[in-house]
Every structure is written in structure tokens, then in C-alpha cells.
Amino acid sequence: MEEAYLEKKNTISNAKRKVKSNVLKVKKNMIDKVFSDVVDLVKQFVFSDDYKKYLRKIIDEAIVELNNENIILVEIGKNFTIEKDVILECLIEKGYLEENVKFKILDNNLIGGAIFLNDSMMYRIDYCLDSLIEHNRVYIGQLVFEMLNEAGEENE
């Protein structure tokens, strides 16, 4: 009798573990889908007028962060070289000489934004949108996880 009880308990435990594992897989898939959607939205954003405003804002912040260095190095993604003109125009408006702004086109697929460095390359400021998404991955995942948990509690 005790053996049957232990077997039943073990079967129930295994079933609960499988259900929990499946729920976690579904939650992970949903979080991955949210991130995919965020990346798609960011890819749309970089072709908007608001994106140009964003670029100007990050340039202002980078200038402050770099303590108005005379020479600025700017790294941009290979798919977003149009940013080069906007960034250069903005830096010239801020008083930089064109010959003191150097660009490097990166081979990776950065999504929007730019990386700013001082001339000695000792100070690096990453304003790439995909970096921003990645830095907030845990936070966004927690929000999605909490929303799913709340929805699950309401359905119980």
C-alpha cells in the first residue's frame, strides 16, 4: 500500500514538473516574441523624423559626456550610414570642425544610434538602440513575466 502511495505521489510530482516546465517554455517563447517585436519597432523607428530628433538628443548628451573633446570618433552600423550625414551636420552645428569628426563603419548590424569615443579611445559612449534593448532585456523580461503571472492568477 505504501509503495502504491509513493508511486502515485511520484507520478503527480512528475506531472507537476512537466506542466511547470511547459509553462516556463511558453513564457520564454512569449518573452522572445516581445523582444522580436521590439526590434521590429525599432527598425521602423530609425526611418522616422522622431529618430532624427533622437539622434540630435544623443549627440548633445555625448558631447557633454565627452567633455567637449576637440576630436570625436563616431562608430555607426553598416546598414545605417545615412546617420553619418545627420550626425556630422549636428556636430558642425555644435561647433565641431568637419575634419575633427571621424567616422568608422562597423561590420556588425547595429540598429540605429551610434557609439561615440574620444580621440584617445579611452572614453566610449554606446547610444545604439540595439544596445539599449539588450541592456533592458532582463527588465522587459521581468515585466512580461509579471504580466503573465498576473493573468494566470486572474484565470485561476
Protein backbone atom coordinates (compact mmCIF):
# COMPACT_ATOMS: atom_id res chain seq x y z
CA MET A 1 0.00 0.00 0.00
CA GLU A 2 2.80 2.40 0.87
CA GLU A 3 4.51 1.52 -2.39
CA ALA A 4 1.37 2.41 -4.39
CA TYR A 5 1.10 5.70 -2.47
CA LEU A 6 4.73 6.60 -3.25
CA GLU A 7 4.24 5.69 -6.91
CA LYS A 8 1.11 7.86 -7.09
CA LYS A 9 2.91 10.74 -5.37
CA ASN A 10 5.85 10.37 -7.75
CA THR A 11 3.53 10.37 -10.79
CA ILE A 12 1.80 13.53 -9.56
CA SER A 13 5.14 15.18 -8.88
CA ASN A 14 6.39 14.34 -12.38
CA ALA A 15 3.18 15.68 -13.93
CA LYS A 16 3.50 18.95 -11.98
CA ARG A 17 7.12 19.27 -13.06
CA LYS A 18 6.18 18.75 -16.73
CA VAL A 19 3.39 21.32 -16.51
CA LYS A 20 5.71 23.82 -14.83
CA SER A 21 8.37 23.19 -17.49
CA ASN A 22 5.82 23.68 -20.28
CA VAL A 23 4.55 26.91 -18.71
CA LEU A 24 8.12 28.23 -18.48
CA LYS A 25 8.71 27.34 -22.15
CA VAL A 26 5.56 29.20 -23.17
CA LYS A 27 6.60 32.23 -21.09
CA LYS A 28 10.08 32.18 -22.63
CA ASN A 29 8.59 31.99 -26.13
CA MET A 30 6.33 34.93 -25.33
CA ILE A 31 9.25 36.97 -23.99
CA ASP A 32 11.27 36.14 -27.13
CA LYS A 33 8.30 37.26 -29.25
CA VAL A 34 8.08 40.56 -27.34
CA PHE A 35 11.79 41.19 -27.99
CA SER A 36 11.40 40.35 -31.65
CA ASP A 37 8.50 42.82 -31.86
CA VAL A 38 10.53 45.50 -30.04
CA VAL A 39 13.40 45.06 -32.51
CA ASP A 40 10.94 45.34 -35.42
CA LEU A 41 9.50 48.55 -33.94
CA VAL A 42 13.00 49.98 -33.50
CA LYS A 43 13.81 49.14 -37.12
CA GLN A 44 10.73 51.13 -38.16
CA PHE A 45 11.60 53.97 -35.79
CA VAL A 46 15.01 54.59 -37.38
CA PHE A 47 13.28 55.74 -40.57
CA SER A 48 11.09 58.32 -38.82
CA ASP A 49 11.52 62.04 -38.20
CA ASP A 50 11.41 61.29 -34.47
CA TYR A 51 14.56 59.25 -34.94
CA LYS A 52 16.42 62.31 -36.21
CA LYS A 53 15.30 64.13 -33.06
CA TYR A 54 16.59 61.18 -31.03
CA LEU A 55 19.94 61.35 -32.84
CA ARG A 56 20.27 65.05 -32.03
CA LYS A 57 19.48 64.33 -28.38
CA ILE A 58 22.11 61.60 -28.07
CA ILE A 59 24.67 63.79 -29.80
CA ASP A 60 24.04 66.54 -27.25
CA GLU A 61 24.43 64.00 -24.44
CA ALA A 62 27.59 62.53 -25.98
CA ILE A 63 29.20 65.97 -26.28
CA VAL A 64 28.56 66.60 -22.59
CA GLU A 65 29.83 63.13 -21.65
CA LEU A 66 32.97 63.61 -23.72
CA ASN A 67 33.62 66.98 -22.07
CA ASN A 68 33.54 68.82 -25.39
CA GLU A 69 36.62 67.00 -26.73
CA ASN A 70 38.04 68.57 -29.89
CA ILE A 71 38.06 65.33 -31.85
CA ILE A 72 35.23 62.83 -31.77
CA LEU A 73 35.19 59.35 -33.24
CA VAL A 74 31.77 58.03 -34.21
CA GLU A 75 31.03 54.37 -34.93
CA ILE A 76 27.85 53.50 -36.81
CA GLY A 77 26.39 50.30 -38.22
CA LYS A 78 26.94 49.41 -41.86
CA ASN A 79 23.19 49.45 -42.56
CA PHE A 80 22.66 52.95 -41.19
CA THR A 81 25.27 55.06 -42.91
CA ILE A 82 22.64 57.74 -43.60
CA GLU A 83 23.11 58.66 -39.93
CA LYS A 84 26.58 59.86 -40.80
CA ASP A 85 25.19 62.95 -42.53
CA VAL A 86 22.78 63.77 -39.71
CA ILE A 87 25.44 63.28 -37.02
CA LEU A 88 28.03 65.32 -38.91
CA GLU A 89 25.56 68.13 -39.55
CA CYS A 90 24.61 68.23 -35.87
CA LEU A 91 28.22 68.22 -34.67
CA ILE A 92 29.11 71.03 -37.08
CA GLU A 93 26.13 72.99 -35.70
CA LYS A 94 27.64 72.45 -32.25
CA GLY A 95 30.92 73.99 -33.36
CA TYR A 96 32.95 70.96 -34.38
CA LEU A 97 35.13 71.15 -37.45
CA GLU A 98 34.33 68.51 -40.05
CA GLU A 99 37.94 67.31 -40.06
CA ASN A 100 37.72 66.69 -36.29
CA VAL A 101 34.81 64.26 -36.62
CA LYS A 102 35.91 60.81 -37.73
CA PHE A 103 33.55 58.01 -38.64
CA LYS A 104 34.05 54.28 -38.56
CA ILE A 105 31.53 51.99 -40.22
CA LEU A 106 31.20 48.81 -38.17
CA ASP A 107 30.75 45.44 -39.83
CA ASN A 108 28.02 44.37 -37.43
CA ASN A 109 24.31 45.03 -37.74
CA LEU A 110 23.86 47.80 -35.21
CA ILE A 111 20.31 49.09 -35.21
CA GLY A 112 20.29 52.86 -35.08
CA GLY A 113 22.16 55.23 -32.84
CA ALA A 114 25.92 55.45 -32.66
CA ILE A 115 28.94 54.85 -30.45
CA PHE A 116 30.91 57.95 -29.54
CA LEU A 117 34.57 57.87 -28.50
CA ASN A 118 37.11 60.49 -27.56
CA ASP A 119 40.29 60.80 -29.62
CA SER A 120 42.32 58.61 -27.27
CA MET A 121 39.53 55.99 -27.37
CA MET A 122 39.63 55.87 -23.58
CA TYR A 123 36.03 57.01 -23.22
CA ARG A 124 33.25 55.18 -25.08
CA ILE A 125 29.55 56.02 -25.02
CA ASP A 126 27.22 53.49 -26.62
CA TYR A 127 23.94 55.02 -27.78
CA CYS A 128 23.00 52.22 -30.19
CA LEU A 129 19.36 51.26 -29.99
CA ASP A 130 20.07 47.54 -30.02
CA SER A 131 22.41 48.05 -27.04
CA LEU A 132 19.61 49.88 -25.26
CA ILE A 133 17.27 46.97 -25.92
CA GLU A 134 19.87 44.46 -24.74
CA HIS A 135 20.63 46.43 -21.57
CA ASN A 136 16.92 46.35 -20.74
CA ARG A 137 16.36 42.70 -21.68
CA VAL A 138 16.11 41.50 -18.08
CA TYR A 139 13.79 44.34 -17.08
CA ILE A 140 11.47 43.82 -20.06
CA GLY A 141 11.50 40.08 -19.45
CA GLN A 142 10.54 40.63 -15.82
CA LEU A 143 7.64 42.88 -16.86
CA VAL A 144 6.34 40.29 -19.31
CA PHE A 145 6.80 37.52 -16.75
CA GLU A 146 4.88 39.53 -14.10
CA MET A 147 2.06 40.30 -16.53
CA LEU A 148 1.78 36.64 -17.46
CA ASN A 149 1.74 35.65 -13.79
CA GLU A 150 -0.98 38.22 -13.04
CA ALA A 151 -3.03 36.99 -15.99
CA GLY A 152 -2.59 33.41 -14.77
CA GLU A 153 -3.73 34.32 -11.26
CA GLU A 154 -6.84 36.04 -12.63
CA ASN A 155 -7.74 32.93 -14.60
CA GLU A 156 -7.48 30.61 -11.63
